[in-house]
């Protein structure tokens, strides 16, 4: 069997995440205090920050913390980073209180997108990914049970310190937060620019 046209999703814990998460949590709550209305994108009843200032110390420290994870994904894809510059295009935070969710969307015009969990209580809302190929979504045989070959929807359960990287074209959503605690996630887009 050959797995042609597979869609990779990288998911792993970031080393020493507790220290950076505490700083990120304070940074994000401060942003919300400064701009309580936030902005509207895919968020439903949640708070969405404006893009972070990439010159601020905390976002710079976070990017440095996850840079090896980003490089792993780029190496796996065999993208030429000698002829292209890796650029963080935008980075922002979302706070989902109880009942908040994010509608299905994608992050176009980027190479990779990410979700990083600062706070992730139990039942706070899985990130759901949708098969990007139209044919299997519109017509597919009945399966006995879902597996890696026949599923048109897959999800990842958030965990504090977990970084999820995925191709930016991939549609995704976030299930409602069923817990009574905040779910705080940082998202960002990574691009490759020609030198």
C-alpha atoms as a PDB file:
ATOM      1  CA  UNK A   1       0.000   0.000   0.000  1.00  0.00           C
ATOM      2  CA  UNK A   2       1.163   3.532  -0.809  1.00  0.00           C
ATOM      3  CA  UNK A   3      -0.229   6.466   1.162  1.00  0.00           C
ATOM      4  CA  UNK A   4      -0.341   9.116  -1.559  1.00  0.00           C
ATOM      5  CA  UNK A   5      -1.493  12.662  -0.749  1.00  0.00           C
ATOM      6  CA  UNK A   6      -1.338  12.164   3.008  1.00  0.00           C
ATOM      7  CA  UNK A   7      -1.883  15.193   5.239  1.00  0.00           C
ATOM      8  CA  UNK A   8       0.683  15.476   8.038  1.00  0.00           C
ATOM      9  CA  UNK A   9      -0.189  16.836  11.467  1.00  0.00           C
ATOM     10  CA  UNK A  10       2.578  17.149  14.047  1.00  0.00           C
ATOM     11  CA  UNK A  11       1.599  16.996  17.709  1.00  0.00           C
ATOM     12  CA  UNK A  12       4.023  16.979  20.628  1.00  0.00           C
ATOM     13  CA  UNK A  13       4.679  18.516  24.020  1.00  0.00           C
ATOM     14  CA  UNK A  14       7.058  21.447  24.200  1.00  0.00           C
ATOM     15  CA  UNK A  15       9.975  21.049  26.619  1.00  0.00           C
ATOM     16  CA  UNK A  16       9.728  23.102  29.838  1.00  0.00           C
ATOM     17  CA  UNK A  17       6.272  24.342  28.852  1.00  0.00           C
ATOM     18  CA  UNK A  18       5.165  25.221  32.404  1.00  0.00           C
ATOM     19  CA  UNK A  19       7.488  28.222  32.690  1.00  0.00           C
ATOM     20  CA  UNK A  20       6.616  29.702  29.293  1.00  0.00           C
ATOM     21  CA  UNK A  21       2.896  28.996  29.832  1.00  0.00           C
ATOM     22  CA  UNK A  22       2.826  31.054  33.012  1.00  0.00           C
ATOM     23  CA  UNK A  23       4.400  34.003  31.183  1.00  0.00           C
ATOM     24  CA  UNK A  24       2.087  33.544  28.188  1.00  0.00           C
ATOM     25  CA  UNK A  25      -0.990  33.331  30.405  1.00  0.00           C
ATOM     26  CA  UNK A  26      -0.135  36.658  32.072  1.00  0.00           C
ATOM     27  CA  UNK A  27       0.707  38.248  28.707  1.00  0.00           C
ATOM     28  CA  UNK A  28      -2.592  37.129  27.148  1.00  0.00           C
ATOM     29  CA  UNK A  29      -4.748  38.155  30.122  1.00  0.00           C
ATOM     30  CA  UNK A  30      -3.072  41.570  30.011  1.00  0.00           C
ATOM     31  CA  UNK A  31      -3.903  41.874  26.296  1.00  0.00           C
ATOM     32  CA  UNK A  32      -7.537  41.034  27.030  1.00  0.00           C
ATOM     33  CA  UNK A  33      -7.625  43.625  29.802  1.00  0.00           C
ATOM     34  CA  UNK A  34      -6.349  46.250  27.333  1.00  0.00           C
ATOM     35  CA  UNK A  35      -8.787  45.176  24.593  1.00  0.00           C
ATOM     36  CA  UNK A  36     -11.752  43.333  26.180  1.00  0.00           C
ATOM     37  CA  UNK A  37     -13.843  43.293  22.996  1.00  0.00           C
ATOM     38  CA  UNK A  38     -11.120  41.564  20.963  1.00  0.00           C
ATOM     39  CA  UNK A  39     -11.796  40.826  17.297  1.00  0.00           C
ATOM     40  CA  UNK A  40     -14.176  38.479  15.489  1.00  0.00           C
ATOM     41  CA  UNK A  41     -12.819  35.740  13.270  1.00  0.00           C
ATOM     42  CA  UNK A  42     -13.826  32.074  13.703  1.00  0.00           C
ATOM     43  CA  UNK A  43     -14.577  32.536  17.409  1.00  0.00           C
ATOM     44  CA  UNK A  44     -18.102  31.955  18.736  1.00  0.00           C
ATOM     45  CA  UNK A  45     -18.551  33.473  22.224  1.00  0.00           C
ATOM     46  CA  UNK A  46     -14.776  33.421  22.719  1.00  0.00           C
ATOM     47  CA  UNK A  47     -12.224  36.215  22.887  1.00  0.00           C
ATOM     48  CA  UNK A  48      -9.758  36.580  19.980  1.00  0.00           C
ATOM     49  CA  UNK A  49      -6.769  38.889  20.424  1.00  0.00           C
ATOM     50  CA  UNK A  50      -5.282  41.181  17.850  1.00  0.00           C
ATOM     51  CA  UNK A  51      -1.979  39.923  16.420  1.00  0.00           C
ATOM     52  CA  UNK A  52       0.837  39.940  18.959  1.00  0.00           C
ATOM     53  CA  UNK A  53       3.628  42.481  18.613  1.00  0.00           C
ATOM     54  CA  UNK A  54       6.502  40.231  17.554  1.00  0.00           C
ATOM     55  CA  UNK A  55       8.953  42.687  19.105  1.00  0.00           C
ATOM     56  CA  UNK A  56       7.532  42.000  22.586  1.00  0.00           C
ATOM     57  CA  UNK A  57       9.755  39.820  24.777  1.00  0.00           C
ATOM     58  CA  UNK A  58       7.182  37.107  25.615  1.00  0.00           C
ATOM     59  CA  UNK A  59       6.149  36.292  21.987  1.00  0.00           C
ATOM     60  CA  UNK A  60       9.841  36.269  20.971  1.00  0.00           C
ATOM     61  CA  UNK A  61      10.650  33.864  23.802  1.00  0.00           C
ATOM     62  CA  UNK A  62       7.708  31.636  22.805  1.00  0.00           C
ATOM     63  CA  UNK A  63       8.792  31.508  19.148  1.00  0.00           C
ATOM     64  CA  UNK A  64      12.316  30.559  20.237  1.00  0.00           C
ATOM     65  CA  UNK A  65      10.844  27.809  22.437  1.00  0.00           C
ATOM     66  CA  UNK A  66       8.902  26.200  19.554  1.00  0.00           C
ATOM     67  CA  UNK A  67      11.405  26.869  16.747  1.00  0.00           C
ATOM     68  CA  UNK A  68      12.863  23.341  16.892  1.00  0.00           C
ATOM     69  CA  UNK A  69       9.339  21.893  16.461  1.00  0.00           C
ATOM     70  CA  UNK A  70       8.774  24.124  13.434  1.00  0.00           C
ATOM     71  CA  UNK A  71      12.136  23.071  11.981  1.00  0.00           C
ATOM     72  CA  UNK A  72      11.212  19.402  12.424  1.00  0.00           C
ATOM     73  CA  UNK A  73       8.058  19.906  10.351  1.00  0.00           C
ATOM     74  CA  UNK A  74       9.985  21.786   7.665  1.00  0.00           C
ATOM     75  CA  UNK A  75      12.607  19.022   7.551  1.00  0.00           C
ATOM     76  CA  UNK A  76       9.905  16.348   7.298  1.00  0.00           C
ATOM     77  CA  UNK A  77       8.391  18.231   4.350  1.00  0.00           C
ATOM     78  CA  UNK A  78      11.879  18.601   2.835  1.00  0.00           C
ATOM     79  CA  UNK A  79      11.247  22.297   2.191  1.00  0.00           C
ATOM     80  CA  UNK A  80      14.400  24.137   1.125  1.00  0.00           C
ATOM     81  CA  UNK A  81      15.181  26.601   3.917  1.00  0.00           C
ATOM     82  CA  UNK A  82      18.463  27.625   2.292  1.00  0.00           C
ATOM     83  CA  UNK A  83      16.585  29.258  -0.576  1.00  0.00           C
ATOM     84  CA  UNK A  84      13.688  30.488   1.544  1.00  0.00           C
ATOM     85  CA  UNK A  85      13.298  32.482   4.759  1.00  0.00           C
ATOM     86  CA  UNK A  86      11.077  31.111   7.539  1.00  0.00           C
ATOM     87  CA  UNK A  87       8.743  33.869   8.667  1.00  0.00           C
ATOM     88  CA  UNK A  88       6.137  33.940  11.443  1.00  0.00           C
ATOM     89  CA  UNK A  89       3.362  35.724   9.598  1.00  0.00           C
ATOM     90  CA  UNK A  90       0.983  36.326  12.511  1.00  0.00           C
ATOM     91  CA  UNK A  91       0.443  35.122  16.060  1.00  0.00           C
ATOM     92  CA  UNK A  92      -2.579  35.597  18.296  1.00  0.00           C
ATOM     93  CA  UNK A  93      -4.441  34.129  21.273  1.00  0.00           C
ATOM     94  CA  UNK A  94      -7.970  32.837  21.814  1.00  0.00           C
ATOM     95  CA  UNK A  95      -9.670  32.465  25.177  1.00  0.00           C
ATOM     96  CA  UNK A  96     -12.709  30.192  25.167  1.00  0.00           C
ATOM     97  CA  UNK A  97     -14.817  30.350  28.308  1.00  0.00           C
ATOM     98  CA  UNK A  98     -17.509  27.728  28.950  1.00  0.00           C
ATOM     99  CA  UNK A  99     -19.640  27.180  25.829  1.00  0.00           C
ATOM    100  CA  UNK A 100     -17.288  29.024  23.456  1.00  0.00           C
ATOM    101  CA  UNK A 101     -16.065  27.378  20.253  1.00  0.00           C
ATOM    102  CA  UNK A 102     -14.493  28.146  16.879  1.00  0.00           C
ATOM    103  CA  UNK A 103     -16.235  27.594  13.554  1.00  0.00           C
ATOM    104  CA  UNK A 104     -14.716  25.667  10.670  1.00  0.00           C
ATOM    105  CA  UNK A 105     -12.038  27.692   8.891  1.00  0.00           C
ATOM    106  CA  UNK A 106      -8.525  27.539   7.439  1.00  0.00           C
ATOM    107  CA  UNK A 107      -5.516  29.860   7.400  1.00  0.00           C
ATOM    108  CA  UNK A 108      -4.853  30.543   3.719  1.00  0.00           C
ATOM    109  CA  UNK A 109      -1.671  31.957   2.196  1.00  0.00           C
ATOM    110  CA  UNK A 110       0.694  30.318   4.698  1.00  0.00           C
ATOM    111  CA  UNK A 111       2.743  27.126   4.757  1.00  0.00           C
ATOM    112  CA  UNK A 112       2.009  25.882   8.277  1.00  0.00           C
ATOM    113  CA  UNK A 113      -0.372  26.870  11.038  1.00  0.00           C
ATOM    114  CA  UNK A 114      -0.245  25.994  14.710  1.00  0.00           C
ATOM    115  CA  UNK A 115      -2.229  25.678  17.905  1.00  0.00           C
ATOM    116  CA  UNK A 116      -0.346  25.782  21.201  1.00  0.00           C
ATOM    117  CA  UNK A 117      -2.207  25.149  24.465  1.00  0.00           C
ATOM    118  CA  UNK A 118      -1.474  27.463  27.384  1.00  0.00           C
ATOM    119  CA  UNK A 119      -4.494  26.306  29.418  1.00  0.00           C
ATOM    120  CA  UNK A 120      -6.385  23.144  28.491  1.00  0.00           C
ATOM    121  CA  UNK A 121      -8.730  21.792  31.177  1.00  0.00           C
ATOM    122  CA  UNK A 122     -10.537  18.475  30.647  1.00  0.00           C
ATOM    123  CA  UNK A 123     -13.404  18.716  28.097  1.00  0.00           C
ATOM    124  CA  UNK A 124     -12.313  22.175  26.919  1.00  0.00           C
ATOM    125  CA  UNK A 125     -12.902  21.441  23.219  1.00  0.00           C
ATOM    126  CA  UNK A 126     -10.961  19.251  20.793  1.00  0.00           C
ATOM    127  CA  UNK A 127      -9.472  20.733  17.635  1.00  0.00           C
ATOM    128  CA  UNK A 128     -11.183  18.997  14.706  1.00  0.00           C
ATOM    129  CA  UNK A 129      -9.583  18.518  11.275  1.00  0.00           C
ATOM    130  CA  UNK A 130     -11.495  17.840   8.041  1.00  0.00           C
ATOM    131  CA  UNK A 131     -10.373  15.825   5.007  1.00  0.00           C
ATOM    132  CA  UNK A 132      -9.198  18.417   2.455  1.00  0.00           C
ATOM    133  CA  UNK A 133     -10.008  16.176  -0.521  1.00  0.00           C
ATOM    134  CA  UNK A 134     -13.502  16.834  -1.865  1.00  0.00           C
ATOM    135  CA  UNK A 135     -14.158  13.423  -3.439  1.00  0.00           C
ATOM    136  CA  UNK A 136     -14.093  11.248  -0.267  1.00  0.00           C
ATOM    137  CA  UNK A 137     -16.259  13.764   1.584  1.00  0.00           C
ATOM    138  CA  UNK A 138     -19.048  13.676  -1.002  1.00  0.00           C
ATOM    139  CA  UNK A 139     -19.071   9.973  -1.731  1.00  0.00           C
ATOM    140  CA  UNK A 140     -17.719   7.208   0.447  1.00  0.00           C
ATOM    141  CA  UNK A 141     -18.775   3.649   1.350  1.00  0.00           C
ATOM    142  CA  UNK A 142     -20.055   2.775   4.806  1.00  0.00           C
ATOM    143  CA  UNK A 143     -17.165   1.742   7.064  1.00  0.00           C
ATOM    144  CA  UNK A 144     -17.375  -0.693   9.965  1.00  0.00           C
ATOM    145  CA  UNK A 145     -15.419   1.787  12.086  1.00  0.00           C
ATOM    146  CA  UNK A 146     -13.323   4.893  11.370  1.00  0.00           C
ATOM    147  CA  UNK A 147      -9.614   4.459  10.778  1.00  0.00           C
ATOM    148  CA  UNK A 148      -6.712   6.419   9.318  1.00  0.00           C
ATOM    149  CA  UNK A 149      -7.742   5.494   5.751  1.00  0.00           C
ATOM    150  CA  UNK A 150     -11.515   6.075   5.799  1.00  0.00           C
ATOM    151  CA  UNK A 151     -12.153   8.896   8.308  1.00  0.00           C
ATOM    152  CA  UNK A 152     -13.114  12.272   6.867  1.00  0.00           C
ATOM    153  CA  UNK A 153     -12.871  13.980  10.277  1.00  0.00           C
ATOM    154  CA  UNK A 154     -10.195  13.563  12.969  1.00  0.00           C
ATOM    155  CA  UNK A 155      -9.548  15.427  16.193  1.00  0.00           C
ATOM    156  CA  UNK A 156      -6.834  16.082  18.774  1.00  0.00           C
ATOM    157  CA  UNK A 157      -7.568  16.628  22.458  1.00  0.00           C
ATOM    158  CA  UNK A 158      -5.802  19.709  23.847  1.00  0.00           C
ATOM    159  CA  UNK A 159      -3.215  19.345  26.593  1.00  0.00           C
ATOM    160  CA  UNK A 160      -1.190  22.082  28.260  1.00  0.00           C
ATOM    161  CA  UNK A 161       2.154  22.491  26.516  1.00  0.00           C
ATOM    162  CA  UNK A 162       0.973  20.638  23.404  1.00  0.00           C
ATOM    163  CA  UNK A 163       1.940  22.138  20.048  1.00  0.00           C
ATOM    164  CA  UNK A 164      -0.054  21.059  16.997  1.00  0.00           C
ATOM    165  CA  UNK A 165       1.326  21.993  13.568  1.00  0.00           C
ATOM    166  CA  UNK A 166      -0.622  21.434  10.351  1.00  0.00           C
ATOM    167  CA  UNK A 167      -0.754  22.621   6.734  1.00  0.00           C
ATOM    168  CA  UNK A 168      -2.498  25.989   6.609  1.00  0.00           C
ATOM    169  CA  UNK A 169      -4.928  24.829   3.911  1.00  0.00           C
ATOM    170  CA  UNK A 170      -6.453  22.276   6.288  1.00  0.00           C
ATOM    171  CA  UNK A 171      -9.964  23.156   7.479  1.00  0.00           C
ATOM    172  CA  UNK A 172     -10.382  22.896  11.245  1.00  0.00           C
ATOM    173  CA  UNK A 173     -12.765  23.899  14.018  1.00  0.00           C
ATOM    174  CA  UNK A 174     -12.873  23.797  17.814  1.00  0.00           C
ATOM    175  CA  UNK A 175     -15.614  22.004  19.742  1.00  0.00           C
ATOM    176  CA  UNK A 176     -17.387  23.927  22.539  1.00  0.00           C
ATOM    177  CA  UNK A 177     -15.616  24.248  25.861  1.00  0.00           C
ATOM    178  CA  UNK A 178     -17.674  22.045  28.207  1.00  0.00           C
ATOM    179  CA  UNK A 179     -15.528  22.797  31.248  1.00  0.00           C
ATOM    180  CA  UNK A 180     -16.041  25.702  33.635  1.00  0.00           C
ATOM    181  CA  UNK A 181     -12.451  26.880  33.138  1.00  0.00           C
ATOM    182  CA  UNK A 182     -10.765  28.883  30.398  1.00  0.00           C
ATOM    183  CA  UNK A 183      -9.211  27.244  27.369  1.00  0.00           C
ATOM    184  CA  UNK A 184      -6.316  29.453  26.213  1.00  0.00           C
ATOM    185  CA  UNK A 185      -4.614  28.721  22.914  1.00  0.00           C
ATOM    186  CA  UNK A 186      -2.013  30.550  20.868  1.00  0.00           C
ATOM    187  CA  UNK A 187      -2.240  30.214  17.109  1.00  0.00           C
ATOM    188  CA  UNK A 188       0.256  31.302  14.515  1.00  0.00           C
ATOM    189  CA  UNK A 189       1.040  31.044  10.816  1.00  0.00           C
ATOM    190  CA  UNK A 190       4.442  30.271   9.336  1.00  0.00           C
ATOM    191  CA  UNK A 191       5.406  31.217   5.827  1.00  0.00           C
ATOM    192  CA  UNK A 192       8.352  30.569   3.526  1.00  0.00           C
ATOM    193  CA  UNK A 193       9.535  33.623   1.613  1.00  0.00           C
ATOM    194  CA  UNK A 194      11.984  33.471  -1.302  1.00  0.00           C
ATOM    195  CA  UNK A 195      15.364  35.009  -0.485  1.00  0.00           C
END
